[in-house]
Structure formats: structure tokens, C-alpha cells
Amino acid sequence: MASMTDKQKFYSDVIILAVEGGIGYWSHVRSYNHGCSSNLDDDTEVGRKPARAEVFDFEDGNVEAPDAKWHKLDNKAIAKAFKSIMGKGEIAFAGERWRKRMVAAYWANDANDLDSDDADMVVQIALLGKVVYG
């Protein structure tokens, strides 16, 4: 597999930040893979793969129900969220200052200045179409 682009790494970093710190209060996560090497001595990103997970919104009912609706969280979903964030129109619970920070992070391919609340809102936009839990 070819190396991930900087944009793909950025999207995956947002997923990791959200799953490991931001979305647990409204969701259940399964099949999570951060895509990073398990070799603690390897500080390079050679062989890194895109992060991914399946997410269940508690508002959708019982996580164990046979018809439980699981959302696919991957780089494609995060890319879709950023397309929305970079568009026009208000994003509930976010504000223009937040949008500008997300746009700056997007163009810099740098998730280092994002926190778990930022990643949470990006994932909500990705999976639910808007920020539902503010």
C-alpha cells in the first residue's frame, strides 16, 4: 500500500482524537483501528493505514438490537464533514470562530491544535449531518 497523504493522515488523526477522547458520551464504538504501527520503537509513519471505526448513536436505540444502525467512520466520512464545514451556512453549536479554526487545521493538515471537542463535532457532522450534541 502506498504511503498515506498528509490529508489522509489529518483525517485519520481527527478520527483517533474523536474515538479516543471525544465521542464516548453519545456513542458506542466497535471495530476501531487507529491504523498506526504497534511497534513502539518505530516513530516513523511507514506502513500507517487510515483509521476507521463503526459508531452507534445511543439515541438510535439499543446497540444490541439486530437492526442497530452503525455508522461507518473513516477518512471518506471526515472528508465529507470538512466539505460541509468549509461551505457556507451556520453550523449549530459551533460558531464562525470554530469554523475558521477547523478550516485552518484542514489547510495545514495539522490536527495538533484540535481537541477532543473539536473532533467530536467534526464526527457528528460526518455521521449525523450536523452537530446534535453540543
C-alpha atoms as a PDB file:
ATOM      1  CA  MET A   1       0.000   0.000   0.000  1.00  0.00           C
ATOM      2  CA  ALA A   2       1.289   3.461  -0.869  1.00  0.00           C
ATOM      3  CA  SER A   3       2.034   5.906   1.922  1.00  0.00           C
ATOM      4  CA  MET A   4      -0.865   7.965   3.167  1.00  0.00           C
ATOM      5  CA  THR A   5      -1.030  11.568   2.029  1.00  0.00           C
ATOM      6  CA  ASP A   6      -0.827  14.377   4.572  1.00  0.00           C
ATOM      7  CA  LYS A   7      -4.579  14.948   4.126  1.00  0.00           C
ATOM      8  CA  GLN A   8      -5.327  11.263   4.796  1.00  0.00           C
ATOM      9  CA  LYS A   9      -3.187  11.414   7.937  1.00  0.00           C
ATOM     10  CA  PHE A  10      -5.054  14.534   9.058  1.00  0.00           C
ATOM     11  CA  TYR A  11      -8.437  12.835   8.599  1.00  0.00           C
ATOM     12  CA  SER A  12      -7.223   9.773  10.488  1.00  0.00           C
ATOM     13  CA  ASP A  13      -5.838  11.945  13.292  1.00  0.00           C
ATOM     14  CA  VAL A  14      -9.301  13.509  13.684  1.00  0.00           C
ATOM     15  CA  ILE A  15     -10.840  10.020  13.907  1.00  0.00           C
ATOM     16  CA  ILE A  16      -8.304   8.923  16.524  1.00  0.00           C
ATOM     17  CA  LEU A  17      -8.858  12.070  18.589  1.00  0.00           C
ATOM     18  CA  ALA A  18     -12.624  11.636  18.458  1.00  0.00           C
ATOM     19  CA  VAL A  19     -12.742   7.915  19.222  1.00  0.00           C
ATOM     20  CA  GLU A  20     -10.110   8.010  21.947  1.00  0.00           C
ATOM     21  CA  GLY A  21     -11.401  11.129  23.641  1.00  0.00           C
ATOM     22  CA  GLY A  22     -14.435  12.879  22.242  1.00  0.00           C
ATOM     23  CA  ILE A  23     -17.482  10.849  21.232  1.00  0.00           C
ATOM     24  CA  GLY A  24     -17.965   8.367  24.080  1.00  0.00           C
ATOM     25  CA  TYR A  25     -20.717  10.368  25.765  1.00  0.00           C
ATOM     26  CA  TRP A  26     -23.133   9.914  22.847  1.00  0.00           C
ATOM     27  CA  SER A  27     -21.933   6.765  21.117  1.00  0.00           C
ATOM     28  CA  HIS A  28     -20.629   3.239  21.269  1.00  0.00           C
ATOM     29  CA  VAL A  29     -17.648   2.321  19.079  1.00  0.00           C
ATOM     30  CA  ARG A  30     -16.747  -1.078  17.650  1.00  0.00           C
ATOM     31  CA  SER A  31     -14.256  -2.329  15.084  1.00  0.00           C
ATOM     32  CA  TYR A  32     -11.911   0.549  15.875  1.00  0.00           C
ATOM     33  CA  ASN A  33      -8.497   0.522  14.227  1.00  0.00           C
ATOM     34  CA  HIS A  34      -6.240   3.553  14.605  1.00  0.00           C
ATOM     35  CA  GLY A  35      -4.087   2.361  11.705  1.00  0.00           C
ATOM     36  CA  CYS A  36      -0.790   3.130  13.439  1.00  0.00           C
ATOM     37  CA  SER A  37       2.137   0.787  13.863  1.00  0.00           C
ATOM     38  CA  SER A  38       2.165  -1.296  17.022  1.00  0.00           C
ATOM     39  CA  ASN A  39       5.962  -1.047  17.107  1.00  0.00           C
ATOM     40  CA  LEU A  40       6.668   1.474  19.868  1.00  0.00           C
ATOM     41  CA  ASP A  41      10.252   1.906  18.638  1.00  0.00           C
ATOM     42  CA  ASP A  42       9.036   2.992  15.214  1.00  0.00           C
ATOM     43  CA  ASP A  43       8.455   6.747  15.339  1.00  0.00           C
ATOM     44  CA  THR A  44       8.025   6.960  11.584  1.00  0.00           C
ATOM     45  CA  GLU A  45       4.671   6.591   9.920  1.00  0.00           C
ATOM     46  CA  VAL A  46       5.803   3.968   7.431  1.00  0.00           C
ATOM     47  CA  GLY A  47       3.012   1.485   6.969  1.00  0.00           C
ATOM     48  CA  ARG A  48       0.405   3.660   8.644  1.00  0.00           C
ATOM     49  CA  LYS A  49      -3.099   2.938   7.427  1.00  0.00           C
ATOM     50  CA  PRO A  50      -6.256   5.040   7.597  1.00  0.00           C
ATOM     51  CA  ALA A  51      -8.092   4.961  10.930  1.00  0.00           C
ATOM     52  CA  ARG A  52     -11.604   3.574  10.928  1.00  0.00           C
ATOM     53  CA  ALA A  53     -14.408   2.543  13.255  1.00  0.00           C
ATOM     54  CA  GLU A  54     -18.081   1.792  13.428  1.00  0.00           C
ATOM     55  CA  VAL A  55     -20.144   4.129  15.597  1.00  0.00           C
ATOM     56  CA  PHE A  56     -23.592   3.689  17.130  1.00  0.00           C
ATOM     57  CA  ASP A  57     -25.553   6.743  18.303  1.00  0.00           C
ATOM     58  CA  PHE A  58     -27.241   5.915  21.632  1.00  0.00           C
ATOM     59  CA  GLU A  59     -30.278   7.928  20.504  1.00  0.00           C
ATOM     60  CA  ASP A  60     -30.849   5.285  17.812  1.00  0.00           C
ATOM     61  CA  GLY A  61     -31.968   2.729  20.408  1.00  0.00           C
ATOM     62  CA  ASN A  62     -30.387  -0.475  21.626  1.00  0.00           C
ATOM     63  CA  VAL A  63     -26.836  -1.147  20.499  1.00  0.00           C
ATOM     64  CA  GLU A  64     -27.512  -4.895  20.663  1.00  0.00           C
ATOM     65  CA  ALA A  65     -30.695  -4.844  18.589  1.00  0.00           C
ATOM     66  CA  PRO A  66     -30.483  -6.876  15.384  1.00  0.00           C
ATOM     67  CA  ASP A  67     -31.375  -3.782  13.357  1.00  0.00           C
ATOM     68  CA  ALA A  68     -28.983  -1.413  15.196  1.00  0.00           C
ATOM     69  CA  LYS A  69     -27.772   1.349  12.868  1.00  0.00           C
ATOM     70  CA  TRP A  70     -23.969   1.506  12.804  1.00  0.00           C
ATOM     71  CA  HIS A  71     -22.272   4.441  11.088  1.00  0.00           C
ATOM     72  CA  LYS A  72     -19.033   3.897   9.186  1.00  0.00           C
ATOM     73  CA  LEU A  73     -16.395   6.354  10.406  1.00  0.00           C
ATOM     74  CA  ASP A  74     -13.479   6.599   8.006  1.00  0.00           C
ATOM     75  CA  ASN A  75     -11.453   9.159   6.083  1.00  0.00           C
ATOM     76  CA  LYS A  76     -14.215   9.485   3.495  1.00  0.00           C
ATOM     77  CA  ALA A  77     -16.730  10.471   6.187  1.00  0.00           C
ATOM     78  CA  ILE A  78     -14.323  13.023   7.687  1.00  0.00           C
ATOM     79  CA  ALA A  79     -13.618  14.476   4.224  1.00  0.00           C
ATOM     80  CA  LYS A  80     -17.378  14.892   3.741  1.00  0.00           C
ATOM     81  CA  ALA A  81     -17.643  16.682   7.095  1.00  0.00           C
ATOM     82  CA  PHE A  82     -14.865  19.096   6.187  1.00  0.00           C
ATOM     83  CA  LYS A  83     -16.554  19.837   2.872  1.00  0.00           C
ATOM     84  CA  SER A  84     -19.598  20.874   4.886  1.00  0.00           C
ATOM     85  CA  ILE A  85     -17.533  22.821   7.432  1.00  0.00           C
ATOM     86  CA  MET A  86     -15.808  24.737   4.653  1.00  0.00           C
ATOM     87  CA  GLY A  87     -19.096  25.586   2.966  1.00  0.00           C
ATOM     88  CA  LYS A  88     -21.468  28.390   3.784  1.00  0.00           C
ATOM     89  CA  GLY A  89     -24.174  28.423   6.380  1.00  0.00           C
ATOM     90  CA  GLU A  90     -24.307  28.224  10.125  1.00  0.00           C
ATOM     91  CA  ILE A  91     -23.142  25.155  11.996  1.00  0.00           C
ATOM     92  CA  ALA A  92     -25.239  24.829  15.147  1.00  0.00           C
ATOM     93  CA  PHE A  93     -23.291  24.798  18.429  1.00  0.00           C
ATOM     94  CA  ALA A  94     -20.080  25.745  16.623  1.00  0.00           C
ATOM     95  CA  GLY A  95     -19.881  29.352  15.541  1.00  0.00           C
ATOM     96  CA  GLU A  96     -17.717  31.123  13.000  1.00  0.00           C
ATOM     97  CA  ARG A  97     -14.569  31.152  15.155  1.00  0.00           C
ATOM     98  CA  TRP A  98     -14.714  27.347  15.406  1.00  0.00           C
ATOM     99  CA  ARG A  99     -15.252  27.025  11.664  1.00  0.00           C
ATOM    100  CA  LYS A 100     -12.217  29.222  10.966  1.00  0.00           C
ATOM    101  CA  ARG A 101     -10.039  27.087  13.265  1.00  0.00           C
ATOM    102  CA  MET A 102     -11.204  23.905  11.511  1.00  0.00           C
ATOM    103  CA  VAL A 103     -10.543  25.409   8.074  1.00  0.00           C
ATOM    104  CA  ALA A 104      -7.049  26.472   9.173  1.00  0.00           C
ATOM    105  CA  ALA A 105      -6.339  22.976  10.520  1.00  0.00           C
ATOM    106  CA  TYR A 106      -7.669  21.454   7.285  1.00  0.00           C
ATOM    107  CA  TRP A 107      -5.415  23.551   5.049  1.00  0.00           C
ATOM    108  CA  ALA A 108      -2.396  22.949   7.293  1.00  0.00           C
ATOM    109  CA  ASN A 109      -3.138  19.196   7.521  1.00  0.00           C
ATOM    110  CA  ASP A 110      -2.495  19.583  11.237  1.00  0.00           C
ATOM    111  CA  ALA A 111      -4.730  18.146  13.944  1.00  0.00           C
ATOM    112  CA  ASN A 112      -2.304  19.120  16.725  1.00  0.00           C
ATOM    113  CA  ASP A 113      -4.293  22.234  17.662  1.00  0.00           C
ATOM    114  CA  LEU A 114      -7.595  20.360  17.736  1.00  0.00           C
ATOM    115  CA  ASP A 115      -9.005  18.937  20.933  1.00  0.00           C
ATOM    116  CA  SER A 116     -11.441  16.107  21.569  1.00  0.00           C
ATOM    117  CA  ASP A 117     -14.418  18.526  21.491  1.00  0.00           C
ATOM    118  CA  ASP A 118     -13.372  19.709  18.016  1.00  0.00           C
ATOM    119  CA  ALA A 119     -13.020  16.147  16.759  1.00  0.00           C
ATOM    120  CA  ASP A 120     -16.356  15.239  18.357  1.00  0.00           C
ATOM    121  CA  MET A 121     -18.154  17.975  16.415  1.00  0.00           C
ATOM    122  CA  VAL A 122     -16.433  17.003  13.145  1.00  0.00           C
ATOM    123  CA  VAL A 123     -17.531  13.381  13.629  1.00  0.00           C
ATOM    124  CA  GLN A 124     -21.096  14.434  14.431  1.00  0.00           C
ATOM    125  CA  ILE A 125     -21.181  16.420  11.196  1.00  0.00           C
ATOM    126  CA  ALA A 126     -19.695  13.432   9.358  1.00  0.00           C
ATOM    127  CA  LEU A 127     -22.098  10.826  10.716  1.00  0.00           C
ATOM    128  CA  LEU A 128     -25.218  12.752  11.730  1.00  0.00           C
ATOM    129  CA  GLY A 129     -25.094  15.626   9.225  1.00  0.00           C
ATOM    130  CA  LYS A 130     -24.940  18.285  11.946  1.00  0.00           C
ATOM    131  CA  VAL A 131     -23.802  18.893  15.497  1.00  0.00           C
ATOM    132  CA  VAL A 132     -26.506  17.276  17.590  1.00  0.00           C
ATOM    133  CA  TYR A 133     -24.776  17.022  20.948  1.00  0.00           C
ATOM    134  CA  GLY A 134     -23.348  20.409  21.860  1.00  0.00           C
END
